[in-house]
Amino acid sequence: MMLALQYKNSPVKYLTARGVTSTRIGSRFTSAVAGNLAPLQLTQLPVPDLPGRGWVRLRPLLSGICGSDLAMLTGRSSPYLTPLVSTPFVPGHEVVAVTLDDAPDLPKGSRVVVDPVLSCAARGLRLCPACAEGRQSRCIAVTSGGLAPGLQTGYCGDTGGGWGKQMVAHRSQLHVVPEGVRDELAVLAEPLACAIHAVRRVALPAGATVVVIGAGTVGLLTILALREYTEVGGIHVVAKHRHQQVRARQLGATEVIEPARAARAVRRLTGGSLESPVMGAEYLLGGADVTFECTGGGGLDTALRLTRAGGTVVLSGMPSTGVDLTPLWFRELHLVGAYATDSGGVPEADGGRQGDFDRALDLVGRAPLDGFVDARYPLTRWREAVGHAADAGRLGTVKVAFDLAEI
């Protein structure tokens, strides 16, 4: 048996939490996440069975709390995803762990990070067209094969997750952590790989003007990926909290903007005219070439209003609110989704390819990311942990993680 946090499907709690947190007002939101409305239970569970060949047991060391986890706990995740998970499950998909079994080219005791996507290889299936191209994030088989449905580890009833003392993963999901990269940096590899994937989803010409909406973990790592892997010009970041604004500048933001003055500031930086509708927020006729929405909340509406005609909006955060799509139609914008990661990569000069996790593990050890994981909790203090994560921006925190070395 092992200690773990288990998520159980509860339509009553889902609807109640969704109603309480719909306004996302301070203590109401935090108490809903961490209190009795959260469909989580700390319990003793059997250690997950190995589903088949190529699978190994893992002992998690650190596991992050992600915005999508908070959306799940508060009923803000879309019902669209319900067929793609299997409950009950142990959450946790941002994981650095130690292997407890030998695997091909990976001896027992290796320190690894987990690519959580449960694609064809993990499910023992013949590769679908997307997986054959190395585009595992687009796999069509996440409800098939020898595993219970689950788009990712941390949402599948058969694999366990990082919020438990043991879990299982397929060899294809595991990436060795380079020596010298500390656990608190390695646990950022998964969100950094997602940020790199988002940046790779669109053509970013040299000198392009970019706006990043949101400076939580996703937004900050997107700034880093833009500076490291592109030649864009100005990176203008909409950041709510003081500590986010400081970190955004440290990672290469050209300009940091408070949300209330976003439209006026982007107009000053990029040109165009500012328009004020009879209802709703101001918008630009003009604006950024490309905008990355990284809040997973109401930032999409802002992104559409700040992007020039014919420009592109990249949806990096998981959407959770309604949005007026009129700018998408009227300004003929391109709306691009960016989900998870893939191994297809972009061709290098020598003809080879480097996947998103490969780049993330190369970058995470040399980027200025010290202090990003600035709150660690044992599983027994899970209410404090998820409450802290829900209020991270106001509390000056970037990433909250469970420390599985603790009881």
Protein backbone atom coordinates (compact mmCIF):
# COMPACT_ATOMS: atom_id res chain seq x y z
CA MET A 1 0.00 0.00 0.00
CA MET A 2 1.05 3.62 -0.51
CA LEU A 3 -0.03 7.07 0.59
CA ALA A 4 -1.64 9.10 -2.19
CA LEU A 5 -4.09 11.85 -2.99
CA GLN A 6 -6.99 10.39 -4.96
CA TYR A 7 -9.42 12.32 -7.12
CA LYS A 8 -12.95 10.88 -7.19
CA ASN A 9 -15.57 12.02 -9.64
CA SER A 10 -18.35 13.85 -7.83
CA PRO A 11 -20.90 15.69 -10.01
CA VAL A 12 -22.35 17.42 -6.92
CA LYS A 13 -18.95 18.73 -5.80
CA TYR A 14 -18.06 19.65 -9.40
CA LEU A 15 -21.15 21.79 -9.86
CA THR A 16 -20.98 23.30 -6.38
CA ALA A 17 -17.30 24.20 -6.69
CA ARG A 18 -17.90 25.62 -10.16
CA GLY A 19 -20.61 27.89 -8.80
CA VAL A 20 -18.59 29.05 -5.80
CA THR A 21 -15.45 29.79 -7.82
CA SER A 22 -17.12 31.25 -10.90
CA THR A 23 -16.25 34.74 -9.71
CA ARG A 24 -12.76 33.70 -8.51
CA ILE A 25 -12.94 36.01 -5.52
CA GLY A 26 -10.03 35.66 -3.09
CA SER A 27 -10.77 33.47 -0.11
CA ARG A 28 -13.88 31.93 -1.70
CA PHE A 29 -11.80 30.51 -4.52
CA THR A 30 -9.01 29.30 -2.25
CA SER A 31 -11.35 27.69 0.27
CA ALA A 32 -13.21 25.86 -2.51
CA VAL A 33 -9.96 24.42 -3.83
CA ALA A 34 -8.58 23.36 -0.47
CA GLY A 35 -11.75 22.69 1.51
CA ASN A 36 -14.51 20.13 1.52
CA LEU A 37 -15.61 21.02 -2.02
CA ALA A 38 -12.38 19.64 -3.47
CA PRO A 39 -12.96 16.05 -4.68
CA LEU A 40 -9.62 14.89 -3.20
CA GLN A 41 -8.93 12.39 -0.46
CA LEU A 42 -5.65 11.46 1.23
CA THR A 43 -5.74 7.69 1.49
CA GLN A 44 -3.81 4.43 1.32
CA LEU A 45 -3.99 2.80 -2.11
CA PRO A 46 -2.51 -0.34 -3.67
CA VAL A 47 0.68 0.28 -5.63
CA PRO A 48 -0.26 0.40 -9.35
CA ASP A 49 0.38 -2.79 -11.32
CA LEU A 50 2.80 -2.72 -14.23
CA PRO A 51 0.51 -2.64 -17.31
CA GLY A 52 2.91 -4.58 -19.55
CA ARG A 53 6.35 -4.76 -21.11
CA GLY A 54 8.38 -1.58 -21.14
CA TRP A 55 6.73 -0.24 -17.99
CA VAL A 56 8.57 0.59 -14.76
CA ARG A 57 7.68 1.66 -11.25
CA LEU A 58 8.67 5.15 -10.15
CA ARG A 59 9.17 6.79 -6.78
CA PRO A 60 8.28 10.47 -7.21
CA LEU A 61 10.58 13.03 -5.59
CA LEU A 62 8.79 16.27 -6.45
CA SER A 63 5.48 16.80 -8.24
CA GLY A 64 4.16 20.19 -9.24
CA ILE A 65 0.65 21.59 -8.86
CA CYS A 66 -0.46 22.89 -12.26
CA GLY A 67 -3.18 25.32 -13.29
CA SER A 68 -5.03 22.46 -14.98
CA ASP A 69 -5.01 20.58 -11.65
CA LEU A 70 -6.62 23.58 -9.95
CA ALA A 71 -9.20 23.84 -12.74
CA MET A 72 -10.07 20.18 -12.19
CA LEU A 73 -10.45 20.66 -8.44
CA THR A 74 -12.70 23.69 -8.78
CA GLY A 75 -15.00 22.45 -11.54
CA ARG A 76 -13.56 24.90 -14.08
CA SER A 77 -12.25 22.24 -16.47
CA SER A 78 -14.39 21.60 -19.52
CA PRO A 79 -16.83 18.64 -19.64
CA TYR A 80 -15.29 18.02 -23.09
CA LEU A 81 -12.41 16.26 -21.33
CA THR A 82 -14.50 13.83 -19.25
CA PRO A 83 -14.32 10.88 -21.72
CA LEU A 84 -10.52 11.28 -21.76
CA VAL A 85 -9.96 10.50 -18.07
CA SER A 86 -10.73 7.49 -15.87
CA THR A 87 -11.70 8.03 -12.27
CA PRO A 88 -10.73 7.57 -9.55
CA PHE A 89 -7.15 8.60 -10.29
CA VAL A 90 -4.09 10.03 -8.57
CA PRO A 91 -3.25 13.47 -10.02
CA GLY A 92 0.21 14.82 -10.71
CA HIS A 93 1.79 15.13 -14.16
CA GLU A 94 4.78 17.42 -13.47
CA VAL A 95 7.03 14.77 -11.97
CA VAL A 96 10.70 14.14 -11.22
CA ALA A 97 11.19 10.60 -9.93
CA VAL A 98 13.57 7.68 -9.43
CA THR A 99 13.05 4.42 -11.33
CA LEU A 100 12.49 1.30 -9.22
CA ASP A 101 12.96 -1.20 -12.07
CA ASP A 102 15.39 -1.72 -14.93
CA ALA A 103 14.18 -0.66 -18.38
CA PRO A 104 15.80 -0.74 -21.84
CA ASP A 105 18.82 1.61 -21.69
CA LEU A 106 17.62 2.86 -18.29
CA PRO A 107 18.92 1.14 -15.16
CA LYS A 108 17.08 1.00 -11.87
CA GLY A 109 17.81 4.07 -9.75
CA SER A 110 17.84 6.53 -12.66
CA ARG A 111 16.50 10.01 -11.99
CA VAL A 112 13.93 10.92 -14.63
CA VAL A 113 11.20 13.34 -15.58
CA VAL A 114 7.93 12.08 -17.03
CA ASP A 115 6.40 13.10 -20.35
CA PRO A 116 2.82 12.52 -19.19
CA VAL A 117 1.09 12.03 -22.58
CA LEU A 118 -0.25 8.44 -22.75
CA SER A 119 0.09 7.90 -26.48
CA CYS A 120 0.15 4.79 -28.66
CA ALA A 121 3.59 3.54 -27.55
CA ALA A 122 2.58 3.55 -23.88
CA ARG A 123 -0.70 1.80 -24.73
CA GLY A 124 0.96 -0.99 -26.70
CA LEU A 125 -0.74 0.00 -29.94
CA ARG A 126 0.38 0.36 -33.50
CA LEU A 127 1.31 4.01 -33.93
CA CYS A 128 -1.46 6.25 -35.17
CA PRO A 129 -0.50 8.74 -37.92
CA ALA A 130 0.18 11.51 -35.39
CA CYS A 131 2.40 9.34 -33.18
CA ALA A 132 4.26 8.03 -36.24
CA GLU A 133 5.22 11.64 -36.99
CA GLY A 134 6.35 12.23 -33.41
CA ARG A 135 3.27 14.36 -32.66
CA GLN A 136 2.20 12.48 -29.54
CA SER A 137 0.14 15.40 -28.27
CA ARG A 138 -2.27 14.71 -31.15
CA CYS A 139 -2.62 10.96 -30.47
CA ILE A 140 -6.09 9.63 -31.27
CA ALA A 141 -5.77 6.54 -29.04
CA VAL A 142 -5.87 8.05 -25.52
CA THR A 143 -8.99 6.01 -24.71
CA SER A 144 -7.78 2.75 -26.30
CA GLY A 145 -5.40 -0.13 -25.73
CA GLY A 146 -4.51 -1.92 -22.52
CA LEU A 147 -4.86 1.15 -20.30
CA ALA A 148 -7.91 2.88 -18.91
CA PRO A 149 -8.74 6.13 -20.70
CA GLY A 150 -6.38 8.95 -19.85
CA LEU A 151 -4.99 11.73 -21.97
CA GLN A 152 -2.06 11.97 -19.54
CA THR A 153 -0.47 10.38 -16.52
CA GLY A 154 -2.19 12.06 -13.61
CA TYR A 155 -5.60 11.63 -15.25
CA CYS A 156 -5.56 7.84 -15.75
CA GLY A 157 -6.83 5.35 -13.18
CA ASP A 158 -4.20 2.72 -14.09
CA THR A 159 -0.93 4.65 -13.87
CA GLY A 160 -1.02 6.55 -10.62
CA GLY A 161 0.41 10.05 -10.60
CA GLY A 162 2.94 12.30 -8.95
CA TRP A 163 0.66 13.01 -5.98
CA GLY A 164 1.32 9.50 -4.68
CA LYS A 165 4.31 7.66 -3.25
CA GLN A 166 4.57 5.34 -6.28
CA MET A 167 3.40 5.38 -9.88
CA VAL A 168 4.15 3.59 -13.14
CA ALA A 169 5.29 4.91 -16.51
CA HIS A 170 6.27 3.54 -19.90
CA ARG A 171 9.89 3.77 -21.01
CA SER A 172 8.85 6.01 -23.90
CA GLN A 173 7.67 8.62 -21.37
CA LEU A 174 10.90 8.86 -19.42
CA HIS A 175 13.74 11.34 -19.89
CA VAL A 176 16.93 11.14 -17.85
CA VAL A 177 17.71 14.21 -15.78
CA PRO A 178 21.25 15.48 -16.49
CA GLU A 179 23.70 15.32 -13.60
CA GLY A 180 23.89 18.58 -11.74
CA VAL A 181 20.26 19.55 -12.41
CA ARG A 182 18.57 19.74 -9.03
CA ASP A 183 15.14 18.26 -8.42
CA GLU A 184 13.52 21.69 -8.02
CA LEU A 185 14.72 22.58 -11.51
CA ALA A 186 13.99 19.17 -13.05
CA VAL A 187 10.33 19.36 -11.96
CA LEU A 188 10.02 22.42 -14.22
CA ALA A 189 11.00 20.40 -17.31
CA GLU A 190 7.42 19.42 -18.15
CA PRO A 191 5.91 22.94 -18.09
CA LEU A 192 9.01 24.28 -19.85
CA ALA A 193 8.64 21.62 -22.57
CA CYS A 194 5.01 22.73 -22.99
CA ALA A 195 6.14 26.36 -23.35
CA ILE A 196 8.71 25.37 -25.95
CA HIS A 197 6.02 23.40 -27.79
CA ALA A 198 3.73 26.45 -27.80
CA VAL A 199 6.47 28.65 -29.24
CA ARG A 200 7.11 26.07 -31.96
CA ARG A 201 3.47 25.93 -32.97
CA VAL A 202 3.64 29.13 -35.02
CA ALA A 203 6.00 30.88 -37.40
CA LEU A 204 7.72 33.72 -35.55
CA PRO A 205 9.63 35.91 -38.00
CA ALA A 206 12.66 37.83 -36.84
CA GLY A 207 11.60 41.12 -35.32
CA ALA A 208 7.96 40.09 -34.76
CA THR A 209 6.12 41.87 -31.97
CA VAL A 210 4.81 39.46 -29.34
CA VAL A 211 2.46 39.89 -26.39
CA VAL A 212 2.36 37.32 -23.57
CA ILE A 213 -0.80 37.43 -21.45
CA GLY A 214 -0.09 36.16 -17.95
CA ALA A 215 3.15 35.70 -16.01
CA GLY A 216 2.50 32.63 -13.93
CA THR A 217 4.60 29.52 -14.59
CA VAL A 218 3.38 29.08 -18.18
CA GLY A 219 3.78 32.73 -19.11
CA LEU A 220 7.24 33.10 -17.60
CA LEU A 221 8.52 29.92 -19.27
CA THR A 222 7.03 31.10 -22.58
CA ILE A 223 9.10 34.29 -22.31
CA LEU A 224 12.19 32.14 -21.72
CA ALA A 225 11.42 29.93 -24.73
CA LEU A 226 10.82 32.96 -26.97
CA ARG A 227 14.15 34.49 -26.03
CA GLU A 228 16.05 31.22 -26.33
CA TYR A 229 14.64 29.79 -29.55
CA THR A 230 13.37 32.70 -31.65
CA GLU A 231 14.53 36.07 -32.97
CA VAL A 232 11.36 37.99 -32.18
CA GLY A 233 11.63 41.68 -31.37
CA GLY A 234 9.60 43.11 -28.51
CA ILE A 235 8.09 40.74 -25.95
CA HIS A 236 5.43 42.70 -24.09
CA VAL A 237 4.10 40.89 -21.03
CA VAL A 238 0.81 41.50 -19.26
CA ALA A 239 1.54 40.66 -15.61
CA LYS A 240 -0.69 41.28 -12.61
CA HIS A 241 1.63 40.89 -9.62
CA ARG A 242 4.86 42.67 -8.73
CA HIS A 243 6.98 39.52 -8.38
CA GLN A 244 5.73 38.30 -11.78
CA GLN A 245 6.71 41.61 -13.35
CA VAL A 246 10.23 41.34 -11.90
CA ARG A 247 10.72 37.78 -13.09
CA ALA A 248 9.34 38.59 -16.54
CA ARG A 249 12.00 41.27 -16.98
CA GLN A 250 14.70 38.89 -15.74
CA LEU A 251 13.70 36.35 -18.41
CA GLY A 252 13.82 38.86 -21.26
CA ALA A 253 10.57 40.80 -21.40
CA THR A 254 10.94 44.05 -23.28
CA GLU A 255 8.05 45.73 -21.51
CA VAL A 256 5.84 44.67 -18.62
CA ILE A 257 2.24 45.90 -18.59
CA GLU A 258 -0.41 45.95 -15.88
CA PRO A 259 -3.68 44.31 -17.02
CA ALA A 260 -5.79 47.44 -16.57
CA ARG A 261 -3.71 49.40 -19.08
CA ALA A 262 -2.92 46.56 -21.51
CA ALA A 263 -4.72 47.94 -24.58
CA ARG A 264 -3.37 51.46 -24.17
CA ALA A 265 0.17 50.22 -23.52
CA VAL A 266 0.20 47.89 -26.53
CA ARG A 267 -1.16 50.71 -28.69
CA ARG A 268 1.75 52.91 -27.55
CA LEU A 269 4.23 50.14 -28.32
CA THR A 270 2.83 48.90 -31.65
CA GLY A 271 0.61 51.66 -33.06
CA GLY A 272 -2.98 51.48 -34.27
CA SER A 273 -6.13 53.02 -32.84
CA LEU A 274 -7.88 52.35 -29.54
CA GLU A 275 -11.60 51.63 -29.68
CA SER A 276 -14.09 51.62 -26.79
CA PRO A 277 -17.30 49.59 -27.35
CA VAL A 278 -20.52 50.40 -25.54
CA MET A 279 -19.99 47.18 -23.55
CA GLY A 280 -16.84 45.17 -22.92
CA ALA A 281 -13.15 46.01 -22.82
CA GLU A 282 -11.22 48.34 -25.12
CA TYR A 283 -9.54 46.88 -28.17
CA LEU A 284 -7.05 47.81 -30.87
CA LEU A 285 -7.24 48.23 -34.59
CA GLY A 286 -3.57 47.31 -34.86
CA GLY A 287 -1.55 45.57 -32.18
CA ALA A 288 0.80 42.61 -31.80
CA ASP A 289 1.81 40.17 -34.53
CA VAL A 290 1.45 37.17 -32.20
CA THR A 291 -0.12 36.92 -28.75
CA PHE A 292 0.31 34.00 -26.34
CA GLU A 293 -2.57 33.47 -23.90
CA CYS A 294 -1.02 31.85 -20.82
CA THR A 295 -3.55 32.45 -18.03
CA GLY A 296 -6.01 29.62 -18.59
CA GLY A 297 -8.72 32.14 -17.64
CA GLY A 298 -10.07 35.31 -19.16
CA GLY A 299 -6.87 36.14 -21.00
CA LEU A 300 -8.15 34.86 -24.34
CA ASP A 301 -10.61 37.75 -24.61
CA THR A 302 -7.75 40.19 -23.98
CA ALA A 303 -5.47 38.40 -26.45
CA LEU A 304 -8.02 38.69 -29.26
CA ARG A 305 -8.38 42.42 -28.57
CA LEU A 306 -4.62 43.13 -28.66
CA THR A 307 -3.67 41.29 -31.88
CA ARG A 308 -3.45 42.99 -35.26
CA ALA A 309 -5.58 41.99 -38.24
CA GLY A 310 -4.25 38.79 -39.76
CA GLY A 311 -2.19 38.09 -36.64
CA THR A 312 -2.07 34.96 -34.51
CA VAL A 313 -3.26 34.09 -31.02
CA VAL A 314 -1.71 31.00 -29.39
CA LEU A 315 -3.80 29.38 -26.68
CA SER A 316 -1.29 27.94 -24.19
CA GLY A 317 -3.41 27.99 -21.05
CA MET A 318 -6.36 25.61 -20.85
CA PRO A 319 -9.47 27.76 -21.52
CA SER A 320 -12.04 27.99 -18.76
CA THR A 321 -14.28 30.98 -19.49
CA GLY A 322 -16.51 32.29 -22.26
CA VAL A 323 -15.09 34.72 -24.77
CA ASP A 324 -16.36 37.14 -27.43
CA LEU A 325 -15.05 35.74 -30.72
CA THR A 326 -15.99 38.78 -32.78
CA PRO A 327 -12.34 39.93 -33.13
CA LEU A 328 -11.40 36.48 -34.46
CA TRP A 329 -13.92 36.93 -37.27
CA PHE A 330 -13.61 40.67 -37.91
CA ARG A 331 -9.81 40.88 -37.77
CA GLU A 332 -9.32 37.52 -39.56
CA LEU A 333 -7.10 36.23 -36.79
CA HIS A 334 -5.47 32.82 -36.59
CA LEU A 335 -6.30 30.98 -33.34
CA VAL A 336 -3.80 28.18 -32.59
CA GLY A 337 -3.96 25.63 -29.79
CA ALA A 338 -0.83 24.37 -28.05
CA TYR A 339 -1.34 21.22 -25.96
CA ALA A 340 1.38 19.25 -24.14
CA THR A 341 4.55 18.28 -26.05
CA ASP A 342 5.87 16.09 -28.84
CA SER A 343 9.08 14.40 -29.91
CA GLY A 344 8.89 15.32 -33.59
CA GLY A 345 10.83 18.49 -33.04
CA VAL A 346 12.14 20.89 -35.62
CA PRO A 347 14.87 19.76 -38.05
CA GLU A 348 18.33 20.81 -36.89
CA ALA A 349 21.16 21.93 -39.16
CA ASP A 350 22.47 18.34 -39.35
CA GLY A 351 19.05 16.98 -40.33
CA GLY A 352 18.33 15.55 -36.88
CA ARG A 353 15.40 16.47 -34.68
CA GLN A 354 15.21 17.53 -31.06
CA GLY A 355 11.95 17.08 -29.20
CA ASP A 356 10.40 19.44 -26.71
CA PHE A 357 11.61 17.55 -23.62
CA ASP A 358 15.14 17.29 -25.01
CA ARG A 359 15.28 21.05 -25.35
CA ALA A 360 13.65 21.61 -21.97
CA LEU A 361 16.17 19.45 -20.13
CA ASP A 362 19.01 21.21 -21.94
CA LEU A 363 17.64 24.63 -20.99
CA VAL A 364 16.35 24.05 -17.47
CA GLY A 365 19.84 23.55 -16.05
CA ARG A 366 21.26 26.81 -17.41
CA ALA A 367 18.31 29.20 -17.36
CA PRO A 368 17.75 31.66 -14.47
CA LEU A 369 15.05 29.55 -12.83
CA ASP A 370 16.36 29.39 -9.26
CA GLY A 371 13.57 30.05 -6.79
CA PHE A 372 10.74 29.17 -9.18
CA VAL A 373 9.73 26.23 -6.98
CA ASP A 374 9.44 28.29 -3.83
CA ALA A 375 6.90 26.29 -1.83
CA ARG A 376 7.12 22.55 -1.06
CA TYR A 377 4.62 20.55 0.98
CA PRO A 378 4.26 16.92 2.10
CA LEU A 379 1.13 15.11 0.96
CA THR A 380 -0.27 15.28 4.50
CA ARG A 381 -0.51 19.08 4.13
CA TRP A 382 -2.33 18.90 0.82
CA ARG A 383 -5.01 21.43 1.77
CA GLU A 384 -2.36 24.04 2.48
CA ALA A 385 -0.52 23.12 -0.72
CA VAL A 386 -3.46 23.46 -3.11
CA GLY A 387 -4.71 26.54 -1.29
CA HIS A 388 -1.27 28.11 -1.68
CA ALA A 389 -1.18 27.17 -5.37
CA ALA A 390 -4.62 28.67 -5.95
CA ASP A 391 -3.44 31.97 -4.44
CA ALA A 392 0.14 31.78 -5.71
CA GLY A 393 0.16 35.08 -7.59
CA ARG A 394 -0.97 37.15 -4.62
CA LEU A 395 1.40 35.29 -2.30
CA GLY A 396 4.43 35.92 -4.49
CA THR A 397 4.88 32.27 -5.51
CA VAL A 398 5.58 30.81 -8.95
CA LYS A 399 5.35 27.03 -8.48
CA VAL A 400 4.06 24.95 -5.56
CA ALA A 401 5.11 21.29 -5.42
CA PHE A 402 4.54 18.20 -3.32
CA ASP A 403 7.74 16.89 -1.75
CA LEU A 404 7.32 13.12 -1.79
CA ALA A 405 10.44 12.61 0.33
CA GLU A 406 8.27 13.91 3.17
CA ILE A 407 5.66 11.72 4.86
